[in-house]
PDB file of N, CA and C in Angstrom:
ATOM      1  N   UNK A   1      -0.602  -2.524 -15.716  1.00  0.00           N
ATOM      2  CA  UNK A   1      -0.586  -3.234 -14.446  1.00  0.00           C
ATOM      3  C   UNK A   1      -2.019  -3.248 -13.916  1.00  0.00           C
ATOM      4  N   UNK A   2      -2.459  -4.362 -13.478  1.00  0.00           N
ATOM      5  CA  UNK A   2      -3.830  -4.453 -12.989  1.00  0.00           C
ATOM      6  C   UNK A   2      -3.914  -3.991 -11.544  1.00  0.00           C
ATOM      7  N   UNK A   3      -5.109  -3.646 -11.139  1.00  0.00           N
ATOM      8  CA  UNK A   3      -5.344  -3.186  -9.770  1.00  0.00           C
ATOM      9  C   UNK A   3      -4.980  -4.267  -8.753  1.00  0.00           C
ATOM     10  N   UNK A   4      -5.145  -5.541  -9.104  1.00  0.00           N
ATOM     11  CA  UNK A   4      -4.814  -6.636  -8.194  1.00  0.00           C
ATOM     12  C   UNK A   4      -3.338  -6.644  -7.828  1.00  0.00           C
ATOM     13  N   UNK A   5      -2.506  -6.109  -8.692  1.00  0.00           N
ATOM     14  CA  UNK A   5      -1.061  -6.097  -8.459  1.00  0.00           C
ATOM     15  C   UNK A   5      -0.719  -5.283  -7.210  1.00  0.00           C
ATOM     16  N   UNK A   6      -1.546  -4.327  -6.844  1.00  0.00           N
ATOM     17  CA  UNK A   6      -1.292  -3.498  -5.663  1.00  0.00           C
ATOM     18  C   UNK A   6      -1.408  -4.312  -4.377  1.00  0.00           C
ATOM     19  N   UNK A   7      -2.074  -5.453  -4.438  1.00  0.00           N
ATOM     20  CA  UNK A   7      -2.238  -6.302  -3.256  1.00  0.00           C
ATOM     21  C   UNK A   7      -1.305  -7.510  -3.270  1.00  0.00           C
ATOM     22  N   UNK A   8      -0.532  -7.667  -4.342  1.00  0.00           N
ATOM     23  CA  UNK A   8       0.360  -8.816  -4.494  1.00  0.00           C
ATOM     24  C   UNK A   8       1.548  -8.675  -3.551  1.00  0.00           C
ATOM     25  N   UNK A   9       1.767  -9.679  -2.715  1.00  0.00           N
ATOM     26  CA  UNK A   9       2.870  -9.644  -1.750  1.00  0.00           C
ATOM     27  C   UNK A   9       4.156 -10.240  -2.306  1.00  0.00           C
ATOM     28  N   UNK A  10       4.077 -10.887  -3.468  1.00  0.00           N
ATOM     29  CA  UNK A  10       5.233 -11.575  -4.035  1.00  0.00           C
ATOM     30  C   UNK A  10       5.821 -10.782  -5.203  1.00  0.00           C
ATOM     31  N   UNK A  11       6.191  -9.534  -4.932  1.00  0.00           N
ATOM     32  CA  UNK A  11       6.797  -8.678  -5.960  1.00  0.00           C
ATOM     33  C   UNK A  11       7.953  -7.903  -5.340  1.00  0.00           C
ATOM     34  N   UNK A  12       8.787  -7.335  -6.201  1.00  0.00           N
ATOM     35  CA  UNK A  12       9.874  -6.515  -5.681  1.00  0.00           C
ATOM     36  C   UNK A  12       9.315  -5.179  -5.189  1.00  0.00           C
ATOM     37  N   UNK A  13      10.102  -4.459  -4.416  1.00  0.00           N
ATOM     38  CA  UNK A  13       9.649  -3.208  -3.823  1.00  0.00           C
ATOM     39  C   UNK A  13       9.269  -2.148  -4.839  1.00  0.00           C
ATOM     40  N   UNK A  14      10.016  -2.069  -5.939  1.00  0.00           N
ATOM     41  CA  UNK A  14       9.706  -1.073  -6.964  1.00  0.00           C
ATOM     42  C   UNK A  14       8.346  -1.372  -7.588  1.00  0.00           C
ATOM     43  N   UNK A  15       8.093  -2.629  -7.876  1.00  0.00           N
ATOM     44  CA  UNK A  15       6.795  -3.018  -8.438  1.00  0.00           C
ATOM     45  C   UNK A  15       5.675  -2.711  -7.458  1.00  0.00           C
ATOM     46  N   UNK A  16       5.909  -2.965  -6.166  1.00  0.00           N
ATOM     47  CA  UNK A  16       4.900  -2.673  -5.145  1.00  0.00           C
ATOM     48  C   UNK A  16       4.587  -1.177  -5.094  1.00  0.00           C
ATOM     49  N   UNK A  17       5.614  -0.345  -5.251  1.00  0.00           N
ATOM     50  CA  UNK A  17       5.401   1.105  -5.236  1.00  0.00           C
ATOM     51  C   UNK A  17       4.688   1.569  -6.506  1.00  0.00           C
ATOM     52  N   UNK A  18       5.113   1.069  -7.636  1.00  0.00           N
ATOM     53  CA  UNK A  18       4.502   1.471  -8.903  1.00  0.00           C
ATOM     54  C   UNK A  18       3.043   1.030  -8.969  1.00  0.00           C
ATOM     55  N   UNK A  19       2.726  -0.092  -8.367  1.00  0.00           N
ATOM     56  CA  UNK A  19       1.349  -0.600  -8.397  1.00  0.00           C
ATOM     57  C   UNK A  19       0.366   0.383  -7.779  1.00  0.00           C
ATOM     58  N   UNK A  20       0.779   1.133  -6.764  1.00  0.00           N
ATOM     59  CA  UNK A  20      -0.155   2.059  -6.114  1.00  0.00           C
ATOM     60  C   UNK A  20      -0.192   3.429  -6.781  1.00  0.00           C
ATOM     61  N   UNK A  21       0.744   3.710  -7.693  1.00  0.00           N
ATOM     62  CA  UNK A  21       0.714   4.999  -8.403  1.00  0.00           C
ATOM     63  C   UNK A  21       0.461   4.810  -9.882  1.00  0.00           C
ATOM     64  N   UNK A  22       0.162   3.561 -10.273  1.00  0.00           N
ATOM     65  CA  UNK A  22      -0.092   3.259 -11.669  1.00  0.00           C
ATOM     66  C   UNK A  22      -1.324   4.018 -12.145  1.00  0.00           C
ATOM     67  N   UNK A  23      -1.264   4.544 -13.323  1.00  0.00           N
ATOM     68  CA  UNK A  23      -2.385   5.279 -13.895  1.00  0.00           C
ATOM     69  C   UNK A  23      -1.953   6.680 -14.284  1.00  0.00           C
ATOM     70  N   UNK A  24      -2.792   7.320 -15.037  1.00  0.00           N
ATOM     71  CA  UNK A  24      -2.467   8.631 -15.596  1.00  0.00           C
ATOM     72  C   UNK A  24      -2.455   9.759 -14.559  1.00  0.00           C
ATOM     73  N   UNK A  25      -3.274   9.664 -13.519  1.00  0.00           N
ATOM     74  CA  UNK A  25      -3.508  10.822 -12.656  1.00  0.00           C
ATOM     75  C   UNK A  25      -2.940  10.730 -11.253  1.00  0.00           C
ATOM     76  N   UNK A  26      -2.593   9.555 -10.779  1.00  0.00           N
ATOM     77  CA  UNK A  26      -2.250   9.401  -9.362  1.00  0.00           C
ATOM     78  C   UNK A  26      -1.009  10.182  -8.949  1.00  0.00           C
ATOM     79  N   UNK A  27       0.027  10.194  -9.768  1.00  0.00           N
ATOM     80  CA  UNK A  27       1.225  10.956  -9.374  1.00  0.00           C
ATOM     81  C   UNK A  27       0.917  12.451  -9.341  1.00  0.00           C
ATOM     82  N   UNK A  28       0.098  12.914 -10.264  1.00  0.00           N
ATOM     83  CA  UNK A  28      -0.282  14.328 -10.263  1.00  0.00           C
ATOM     84  C   UNK A  28      -1.141  14.652  -9.050  1.00  0.00           C
ATOM     85  N   UNK A  29      -2.033  13.745  -8.686  1.00  0.00           N
ATOM     86  CA  UNK A  29      -2.851  13.954  -7.489  1.00  0.00           C
ATOM     87  C   UNK A  29      -1.977  13.999  -6.242  1.00  0.00           C
ATOM     88  N   UNK A  30      -0.987  13.118  -6.157  1.00  0.00           N
ATOM     89  CA  UNK A  30      -0.043  13.169  -5.028  1.00  0.00           C
ATOM     90  C   UNK A  30       0.625  14.531  -4.964  1.00  0.00           C
ATOM     91  N   UNK A  31       1.078  14.997  -6.104  1.00  0.00           N
ATOM     92  CA  UNK A  31       1.778  16.286  -6.182  1.00  0.00           C
ATOM     93  C   UNK A  31       0.862  17.434  -5.736  1.00  0.00           C
ATOM     94  N   UNK A  32      -0.386  17.423  -6.197  1.00  0.00           N
ATOM     95  CA  UNK A  32      -1.320  18.487  -5.816  1.00  0.00           C
ATOM     96  C   UNK A  32      -1.664  18.430  -4.329  1.00  0.00           C
ATOM     97  N   UNK A  33      -1.791  17.232  -3.789  1.00  0.00           N
ATOM     98  CA  UNK A  33      -2.155  17.093  -2.376  1.00  0.00           C
ATOM     99  C   UNK A  33      -0.987  17.406  -1.434  1.00  0.00           C
ATOM    100  N   UNK A  34       0.231  17.497  -1.966  1.00  0.00           N
ATOM    101  CA  UNK A  34       1.370  17.895  -1.130  1.00  0.00           C
ATOM    102  C   UNK A  34       1.168  19.279  -0.534  1.00  0.00           C
ATOM    103  N   UNK A  35       0.430  20.132  -1.236  1.00  0.00           N
ATOM    104  CA  UNK A  35       0.235  21.513  -0.768  1.00  0.00           C
ATOM    105  C   UNK A  35      -0.831  21.630   0.309  1.00  0.00           C
ATOM    106  N   UNK A  36      -1.529  20.529   0.602  1.00  0.00           N
ATOM    107  CA  UNK A  36      -2.532  20.560   1.654  1.00  0.00           C
ATOM    108  C   UNK A  36      -3.845  19.961   1.201  1.00  0.00           C
ATOM    109  N   UNK A  37      -4.811  19.882   2.127  1.00  0.00           N
ATOM    110  CA  UNK A  37      -6.111  19.284   1.805  1.00  0.00           C
ATOM    111  C   UNK A  37      -6.784  19.991   0.635  1.00  0.00           C
ATOM    112  N   UNK A  38      -7.444  19.206  -0.183  1.00  0.00           N
ATOM    113  CA  UNK A  38      -8.126  19.740  -1.363  1.00  0.00           C
ATOM    114  C   UNK A  38      -9.514  19.116  -1.456  1.00  0.00           C
ATOM    115  N   UNK A  39     -10.444  19.877  -1.967  1.00  0.00           N
ATOM    116  CA  UNK A  39     -11.770  19.337  -2.279  1.00  0.00           C
ATOM    117  C   UNK A  39     -11.724  18.739  -3.676  1.00  0.00           C
ATOM    118  N   UNK A  40     -12.563  17.736  -3.937  1.00  0.00           N
ATOM    119  CA  UNK A  40     -12.549  17.108  -5.268  1.00  0.00           C
ATOM    120  C   UNK A  40     -12.763  18.111  -6.405  1.00  0.00           C
ATOM    121  N   UNK A  41     -13.634  19.077  -6.200  1.00  0.00           N
ATOM    122  CA  UNK A  41     -13.874  20.079  -7.234  1.00  0.00           C
ATOM    123  C   UNK A  41     -12.633  20.901  -7.535  1.00  0.00           C
ATOM    124  N   UNK A  42     -11.853  21.207  -6.501  1.00  0.00           N
ATOM    125  CA  UNK A  42     -10.599  21.950  -6.711  1.00  0.00           C
ATOM    126  C   UNK A  42      -9.627  21.127  -7.540  1.00  0.00           C
ATOM    127  N   UNK A  43      -9.547  19.841  -7.229  1.00  0.00           N
ATOM    128  CA  UNK A  43      -8.643  18.962  -7.968  1.00  0.00           C
ATOM    129  C   UNK A  43      -9.057  18.874  -9.437  1.00  0.00           C
ATOM    130  N   UNK A  44     -10.348  18.758  -9.686  1.00  0.00           N
ATOM    131  CA  UNK A  44     -10.825  18.685 -11.081  1.00  0.00           C
ATOM    132  C   UNK A  44     -10.534  19.953 -11.846  1.00  0.00           C
ATOM    133  N   UNK A  45     -10.704  21.102 -11.205  1.00  0.00           N
ATOM    134  CA  UNK A  45     -10.418  22.378 -11.876  1.00  0.00           C
ATOM    135  C   UNK A  45      -8.946  22.494 -12.235  1.00  0.00           C
ATOM    136  N   UNK A  46      -8.085  21.940 -11.407  1.00  0.00           N
ATOM    137  CA  UNK A  46      -6.640  22.029 -11.646  1.00  0.00           C
ATOM    138  C   UNK A  46      -6.150  20.986 -12.644  1.00  0.00           C
ATOM    139  N   UNK A  47      -7.010  20.030 -12.990  1.00  0.00           N
ATOM    140  CA  UNK A  47      -6.629  18.960 -13.915  1.00  0.00           C
ATOM    141  C   UNK A  47      -7.645  18.848 -15.051  1.00  0.00           C
ATOM    142  N   UNK A  48      -7.578  19.764 -16.013  1.00  0.00           N
ATOM    143  CA  UNK A  48      -8.503  19.671 -17.140  1.00  0.00           C
ATOM    144  C   UNK A  48      -8.343  18.313 -17.833  1.00  0.00           C
ATOM    145  N   UNK A  49      -9.444  17.737 -18.208  1.00  0.00           N
ATOM    146  CA  UNK A  49      -9.402  16.437 -18.867  1.00  0.00           C
ATOM    147  C   UNK A  49      -9.645  15.283 -17.916  1.00  0.00           C
ATOM    148  N   UNK A  50      -9.643  15.541 -16.632  1.00  0.00           N
ATOM    149  CA  UNK A  50      -9.904  14.505 -15.636  1.00  0.00           C
ATOM    150  C   UNK A  50     -11.394  14.500 -15.325  1.00  0.00           C
ATOM    151  N   UNK A  51     -12.047  13.386 -15.609  1.00  0.00           N
ATOM    152  CA  UNK A  51     -13.487  13.307 -15.358  1.00  0.00           C
ATOM    153  C   UNK A  51     -13.745  13.067 -13.875  1.00  0.00           C
ATOM    154  N   UNK A  52     -14.941  13.389 -13.454  1.00  0.00           N
ATOM    155  CA  UNK A  52     -15.326  13.177 -12.055  1.00  0.00           C
ATOM    156  C   UNK A  52     -15.253  11.696 -11.694  1.00  0.00           C
ATOM    157  N   UNK A  53     -15.674  10.844 -12.617  1.00  0.00           N
ATOM    158  CA  UNK A  53     -15.654   9.396 -12.376  1.00  0.00           C
ATOM    159  C   UNK A  53     -14.231   8.900 -12.150  1.00  0.00           C
ATOM    160  N   UNK A  54     -13.312   9.292 -13.006  1.00  0.00           N
ATOM    161  CA  UNK A  54     -11.921   8.840 -12.900  1.00  0.00           C
ATOM    162  C   UNK A  54     -11.277   9.420 -11.644  1.00  0.00           C
ATOM    163  N   UNK A  55     -11.573  10.674 -11.324  1.00  0.00           N
ATOM    164  CA  UNK A  55     -11.044  11.287 -10.101  1.00  0.00           C
ATOM    165  C   UNK A  55     -11.517  10.515  -8.877  1.00  0.00           C
ATOM    166  N   UNK A  56     -12.802  10.221  -8.818  1.00  0.00           N
ATOM    167  CA  UNK A  56     -13.353   9.481  -7.684  1.00  0.00           C
ATOM    168  C   UNK A  56     -12.704   8.110  -7.563  1.00  0.00           C
ATOM    169  N   UNK A  57     -12.562   7.427  -8.685  1.00  0.00           N
ATOM    170  CA  UNK A  57     -11.945   6.097  -8.682  1.00  0.00           C
ATOM    171  C   UNK A  57     -10.494   6.162  -8.206  1.00  0.00           C
ATOM    172  N   UNK A  58      -9.731   7.126  -8.711  1.00  0.00           N
ATOM    173  CA  UNK A  58      -8.323   7.255  -8.319  1.00  0.00           C
ATOM    174  C   UNK A  58      -8.199   7.575  -6.836  1.00  0.00           C
ATOM    175  N   UNK A  59      -9.009   8.507  -6.341  1.00  0.00           N
ATOM    176  CA  UNK A  59      -8.941   8.877  -4.934  1.00  0.00           C
ATOM    177  C   UNK A  59      -9.354   7.713  -4.026  1.00  0.00           C
ATOM    178  N   UNK A  60     -10.358   6.948  -4.442  1.00  0.00           N
ATOM    179  CA  UNK A  60     -10.771   5.782  -3.642  1.00  0.00           C
ATOM    180  C   UNK A  60      -9.665   4.735  -3.591  1.00  0.00           C
ATOM    181  N   UNK A  61      -9.020   4.495  -4.732  1.00  0.00           N
ATOM    182  CA  UNK A  61      -7.910   3.540  -4.751  1.00  0.00           C
ATOM    183  C   UNK A  61      -6.761   4.029  -3.879  1.00  0.00           C
ATOM    184  N   UNK A  62      -6.476   5.317  -3.952  1.00  0.00           N
ATOM    185  CA  UNK A  62      -5.392   5.885  -3.146  1.00  0.00           C
ATOM    186  C   UNK A  62      -5.742   5.816  -1.660  1.00  0.00           C
ATOM    187  N   UNK A  63      -7.022   5.979  -1.341  1.00  0.00           N
ATOM    188  CA  UNK A  63      -7.458   5.853   0.049  1.00  0.00           C
ATOM    189  C   UNK A  63      -7.315   4.401   0.514  1.00  0.00           C
ATOM    190  N   UNK A  64      -7.723   3.460  -0.319  1.00  0.00           N
ATOM    191  CA  UNK A  64      -7.588   2.036  -0.004  1.00  0.00           C
ATOM    192  C   UNK A  64      -6.127   1.665   0.224  1.00  0.00           C
ATOM    193  N   UNK A  65      -5.234   2.264  -0.557  1.00  0.00           N
ATOM    194  CA  UNK A  65      -3.807   1.979  -0.442  1.00  0.00           C
ATOM    195  C   UNK A  65      -3.127   2.747   0.693  1.00  0.00           C
ATOM    196  N   UNK A  66      -3.902   3.558   1.402  1.00  0.00           N
ATOM    197  CA  UNK A  66      -3.366   4.274   2.553  1.00  0.00           C
ATOM    198  C   UNK A  66      -2.599   5.530   2.215  1.00  0.00           C
ATOM    199  N   UNK A  67      -2.769   6.059   0.998  1.00  0.00           N
ATOM    200  CA  UNK A  67      -2.030   7.251   0.579  1.00  0.00           C
ATOM    201  C   UNK A  67      -2.754   8.546   0.904  1.00  0.00           C
ATOM    202  N   UNK A  68      -4.076   8.509   0.850  1.00  0.00           N
ATOM    203  CA  UNK A  68      -4.855   9.719   1.125  1.00  0.00           C
ATOM    204  C   UNK A  68      -5.885   9.453   2.207  1.00  0.00           C
ATOM    205  N   UNK A  69      -6.249  10.522   2.874  1.00  0.00           N
ATOM    206  CA  UNK A  69      -7.285  10.494   3.909  1.00  0.00           C
ATOM    207  C   UNK A  69      -8.472  11.285   3.388  1.00  0.00           C
ATOM    208  N   UNK A  70      -9.659  10.710   3.507  1.00  0.00           N
ATOM    209  CA  UNK A  70     -10.894  11.370   3.089  1.00  0.00           C
ATOM    210  C   UNK A  70     -11.618  11.831   4.337  1.00  0.00           C
ATOM    211  N   UNK A  71     -11.916  13.119   4.372  1.00  0.00           N
ATOM    212  CA  UNK A  71     -12.616  13.691   5.520  1.00  0.00           C
ATOM    213  C   UNK A  71     -13.891  14.372   5.038  1.00  0.00           C
ATOM    214  N   UNK A  72     -15.016  13.952   5.590  1.00  0.00           N
ATOM    215  CA  UNK A  72     -16.306  14.521   5.212  1.00  0.00           C
ATOM    216  C   UNK A  72     -16.788  15.396   6.355  1.00  0.00           C
ATOM    217  N   UNK A  73     -17.050  16.668   6.044  1.00  0.00           N
ATOM    218  CA  UNK A  73     -17.585  17.595   7.037  1.00  0.00           C
ATOM    219  C   UNK A  73     -19.098  17.560   6.958  1.00  0.00           C
ATOM    220  N   UNK A  74     -19.728  17.328   8.084  1.00  0.00           N
ATOM    221  CA  UNK A  74     -21.175  17.150   8.155  1.00  0.00           C
ATOM    222  C   UNK A  74     -21.887  18.498   8.145  1.00  0.00           C
ATOM    223  N   UNK A  75     -21.832  19.137   6.999  1.00  0.00           N
ATOM    224  CA  UNK A  75     -22.543  20.395   6.802  1.00  0.00           C
ATOM    225  C   UNK A  75     -23.435  20.229   5.580  1.00  0.00           C
ATOM    226  N   UNK A  76     -24.307  21.157   5.372  1.00  0.00           N
ATOM    227  CA  UNK A  76     -25.136  21.120   4.168  1.00  0.00           C
ATOM    228  C   UNK A  76     -24.688  22.224   3.239  1.00  0.00           C
ATOM    229  N   UNK A  77     -24.286  21.945   2.047  1.00  0.00           N
ATOM    230  CA  UNK A  77     -24.051  20.602   1.519  1.00  0.00           C
ATOM    231  C   UNK A  77     -22.799  19.979   2.147  1.00  0.00           C
ATOM    232  N   UNK A  78     -22.707  18.646   2.059  1.00  0.00           N
ATOM    233  CA  UNK A  78     -21.539  17.951   2.594  1.00  0.00           C
ATOM    234  C   UNK A  78     -20.274  18.458   1.910  1.00  0.00           C
ATOM    235  N   UNK A  79     -19.222  18.601   2.683  1.00  0.00           N
ATOM    236  CA  UNK A  79     -17.939  19.021   2.124  1.00  0.00           C
ATOM    237  C   UNK A  79     -16.929  17.911   2.379  1.00  0.00           C
ATOM    238  N   UNK A  80     -16.297  17.468   1.305  1.00  0.00           N
ATOM    239  CA  UNK A  80     -15.305  16.403   1.394  1.00  0.00           C
ATOM    240  C   UNK A  80     -13.941  16.978   1.078  1.00  0.00           C
ATOM    241  N   UNK A  81     -12.959  16.618   1.887  1.00  0.00           N
ATOM    242  CA  UNK A  81     -11.583  17.030   1.672  1.00  0.00           C
ATOM    243  C   UNK A  81     -10.702  15.793   1.602  1.00  0.00           C
ATOM    244  N   UNK A  82      -9.696  15.851   0.747  1.00  0.00           N
ATOM    245  CA  UNK A  82      -8.698  14.791   0.658  1.00  0.00           C
ATOM    246  C   UNK A  82      -7.346  15.382   1.027  1.00  0.00           C
ATOM    247  N   UNK A  83      -6.579  14.611   1.778  1.00  0.00           N
ATOM    248  CA  UNK A  83      -5.226  15.035   2.158  1.00  0.00           C
ATOM    249  C   UNK A  83      -4.321  13.811   2.150  1.00  0.00           C
ATOM    250  N   UNK A  84      -3.022  14.066   2.085  1.00  0.00           N
ATOM    251  CA  UNK A  84      -2.066  12.970   2.139  1.00  0.00           C
ATOM    252  C   UNK A  84      -1.961  12.431   3.557  1.00  0.00           C
ATOM    253  N   UNK A  85      -1.859  11.141   3.665  1.00  0.00           N
ATOM    254  CA  UNK A  85      -1.549  10.511   4.953  1.00  0.00           C
ATOM    255  C   UNK A  85      -0.033  10.567   5.131  1.00  0.00           C
ATOM    256  N   UNK A  86       0.476  10.300   6.312  1.00  0.00           N
ATOM    257  CA  UNK A  86       1.936  10.223   6.460  1.00  0.00           C
ATOM    258  C   UNK A  86       2.554   9.204   5.491  1.00  0.00           C
ATOM    259  N   UNK A  87       1.863   8.095   5.247  1.00  0.00           N
ATOM    260  CA  UNK A  87       2.343   7.079   4.311  1.00  0.00           C
ATOM    261  C   UNK A  87       2.378   7.640   2.887  1.00  0.00           C
ATOM    262  N   UNK A  88       1.363   8.421   2.528  1.00  0.00           N
ATOM    263  CA  UNK A  88       1.319   9.066   1.216  1.00  0.00           C
ATOM    264  C   UNK A  88       2.404  10.110   1.074  1.00  0.00           C
ATOM    265  N   UNK A  89       2.657  10.848   2.143  1.00  0.00           N
ATOM    266  CA  UNK A  89       3.731  11.851   2.126  1.00  0.00           C
ATOM    267  C   UNK A  89       5.090  11.171   1.958  1.00  0.00           C
ATOM    268  N   UNK A  90       5.276  10.018   2.625  1.00  0.00           N
ATOM    269  CA  UNK A  90       6.513   9.249   2.450  1.00  0.00           C
ATOM    270  C   UNK A  90       6.711   8.865   0.988  1.00  0.00           C
ATOM    271  N   UNK A  91       5.649   8.387   0.350  1.00  0.00           N
ATOM    272  CA  UNK A  91       5.746   8.009  -1.062  1.00  0.00           C
ATOM    273  C   UNK A  91       6.070   9.219  -1.920  1.00  0.00           C
ATOM    274  N   UNK A  92       5.415  10.326  -1.646  1.00  0.00           N
ATOM    275  CA  UNK A  92       5.649  11.541  -2.409  1.00  0.00           C
ATOM    276  C   UNK A  92       7.109  11.982  -2.301  1.00  0.00           C
ATOM    277  N   UNK A  93       7.663  11.910  -1.100  1.00  0.00           N
ATOM    278  CA  UNK A  93       9.075  12.264  -0.903  1.00  0.00           C
ATOM    279  C   UNK A  93       9.995  11.277  -1.610  1.00  0.00           C
ATOM    280  N   UNK A  94       9.631   9.994  -1.582  1.00  0.00           N
ATOM    281  CA  UNK A  94      10.447   8.979  -2.249  1.00  0.00           C
ATOM    282  C   UNK A  94      10.455   9.180  -3.762  1.00  0.00           C
ATOM    283  N   UNK A  95       9.383   9.755  -4.301  1.00  0.00           N
ATOM    284  CA  UNK A  95       9.307   9.988  -5.740  1.00  0.00           C
ATOM    285  C   UNK A  95      10.093  11.228  -6.173  1.00  0.00           C
ATOM    286  N   UNK A  96      10.563  12.029  -5.216  1.00  0.00           N
ATOM    287  CA  UNK A  96      11.341  13.225  -5.541  1.00  0.00           C
ATOM    288  C   UNK A  96      12.522  12.946  -6.452  1.00  0.00           C
ATOM    289  N   UNK A  97      13.385  11.989  -6.123  1.00  0.00           N
ATOM    290  CA  UNK A  97      14.510  11.689  -7.015  1.00  0.00           C
ATOM    291  C   UNK A  97      14.065  11.176  -8.393  1.00  0.00           C
ATOM    292  N   UNK A  98      12.953  10.457  -8.447  1.00  0.00           N
ATOM    293  CA  UNK A  98      12.437   9.996  -9.738  1.00  0.00           C
ATOM    294  C   UNK A  98      11.995  11.199 -10.561  1.00  0.00           C
ATOM    295  N   UNK A  99      11.369  12.163  -9.906  1.00  0.00           N
ATOM    296  CA  UNK A  99      10.961  13.391 -10.577  1.00  0.00           C
ATOM    297  C   UNK A  99      12.176  14.145 -11.105  1.00  0.00           C
ATOM    298  N   UNK A 100      13.218  14.238 -10.291  1.00  0.00           N
ATOM    299  CA  UNK A 100      14.445  14.908 -10.742  1.00  0.00           C
ATOM    300  C   UNK A 100      15.014  14.221 -11.979  1.00  0.00           C
ATOM    301  N   UNK A 101      15.038  12.879 -11.955  1.00  0.00           N
ATOM    302  CA  UNK A 101      15.526  12.125 -13.100  1.00  0.00           C
ATOM    303  C   UNK A 101      14.665  12.420 -14.334  1.00  0.00           C
ATOM    304  N   UNK A 102      13.352  12.472 -14.149  1.00  0.00           N
ATOM    305  CA  UNK A 102      12.446  12.768 -15.256  1.00  0.00           C
ATOM    306  C   UNK A 102      12.700  14.136 -15.857  1.00  0.00           C
ATOM    307  N   UNK A 103      12.971  15.135 -15.009  1.00  0.00           N
ATOM    308  CA  UNK A 103      13.276  16.483 -15.516  1.00  0.00           C
ATOM    309  C   UNK A 103      14.588  16.479 -16.307  1.00  0.00           C
ATOM    310  N   UNK A 104      15.580  15.728 -15.815  1.00  0.00           N
ATOM    311  CA  UNK A 104      16.848  15.625 -16.564  1.00  0.00           C
ATOM    312  C   UNK A 104      16.626  14.951 -17.916  1.00  0.00           C
ATOM    313  N   UNK A 105      15.768  13.930 -17.939  1.00  0.00           N
ATOM    314  CA  UNK A 105      15.451  13.247 -19.197  1.00  0.00           C
ATOM    315  C   UNK A 105      14.775  14.199 -20.172  1.00  0.00           C
ATOM    316  N   UNK A 106      13.819  14.968 -19.688  1.00  0.00           N
ATOM    317  CA  UNK A 106      13.131  15.932 -20.550  1.00  0.00           C
ATOM    318  C   UNK A 106      14.102  16.964 -21.102  1.00  0.00           C
ATOM    319  N   UNK A 107      15.039  17.417 -20.255  1.00  0.00           N
ATOM    320  CA  UNK A 107      16.040  18.381 -20.719  1.00  0.00           C
ATOM    321  C   UNK A 107      16.925  17.757 -21.789  1.00  0.00           C
ATOM    322  N   UNK A 108      17.302  16.506 -21.597  1.00  0.00           N
ATOM    323  CA  UNK A 108      18.115  15.790 -22.581  1.00  0.00           C
ATOM    324  C   UNK A 108      17.378  15.680 -23.915  1.00  0.00           C
ATOM    325  N   UNK A 109      16.081  15.374 -23.870  1.00  0.00           N
ATOM    326  CA  UNK A 109      15.286  15.300 -25.092  1.00  0.00           C
ATOM    327  C   UNK A 109      15.186  16.662 -25.767  1.00  0.00           C
ATOM    328  N   UNK A 110      15.007  17.712 -24.961  1.00  0.00           N
ATOM    329  CA  UNK A 110      14.930  19.068 -25.511  1.00  0.00           C
ATOM    330  C   UNK A 110      16.241  19.451 -26.175  1.00  0.00           C
ATOM    331  N   UNK A 111      17.343  19.138 -25.496  1.00  0.00           N
ATOM    332  CA  UNK A 111      18.672  19.455 -26.054  1.00  0.00           C
ATOM    333  C   UNK A 111      18.915  18.695 -27.363  1.00  0.00           C
ATOM    334  N   UNK A 112      18.525  17.426 -27.399  1.00  0.00           N
ATOM    335  CA  UNK A 112      18.721  16.612 -28.598  1.00  0.00           C
ATOM    336  C   UNK A 112      17.885  17.153 -29.756  1.00  0.00           C
ATOM    337  N   UNK A 113      16.677  17.603 -29.455  1.00  0.00           N
ATOM    338  CA  UNK A 113      15.801  18.146 -30.488  1.00  0.00           C
ATOM    339  C   UNK A 113      16.348  19.461 -31.034  1.00  0.00           C
ATOM    340  N   UNK A 114      16.901  20.285 -30.130  1.00  0.00           N
ATOM    341  CA  UNK A 114      17.456  21.571 -30.542  1.00  0.00           C
ATOM    342  C   UNK A 114      18.730  21.376 -31.384  1.00  0.00           C
ATOM    343  N   UNK A 115      19.475  20.309 -31.109  1.00  0.00           N
ATOM    344  CA  UNK A 115      20.719  20.054 -31.824  1.00  0.00           C
ATOM    345  C   UNK A 115      20.471  19.489 -33.225  1.00  0.00           C
ATOM    346  N   UNK A 116      19.280  18.942 -33.439  1.00  0.00           N
ATOM    347  CA  UNK A 116      19.021  18.323 -34.754  1.00  0.00           C
ATOM    348  C   UNK A 116      18.440  19.288 -35.752  1.00  0.00           C
TER     349      UNK A 116
END
């Protein structure tokens, strides 16, 4: 799904929701930010394999989509924190049942593998 799809007004609601969480890291970032504000360095440490460039891009897109709030503290060195907005928290809560379904699917796959 292209980034332009997140701005498309002529789509169904599910497509509109998926457009803003599309990508490898955004759902995980939502999950990590549920616990409270995080600095970018903390997020990178918790997600091995996530480059600084990709993290910055994902967080900027999430900020543009109204999911996260970026707060810069004017100290030396500058400290940046990201947190979920109420809109982002709503999305995170809405994804709860999808997460439950995913866990059931994983259990089903595990059971099928064990039975074979």
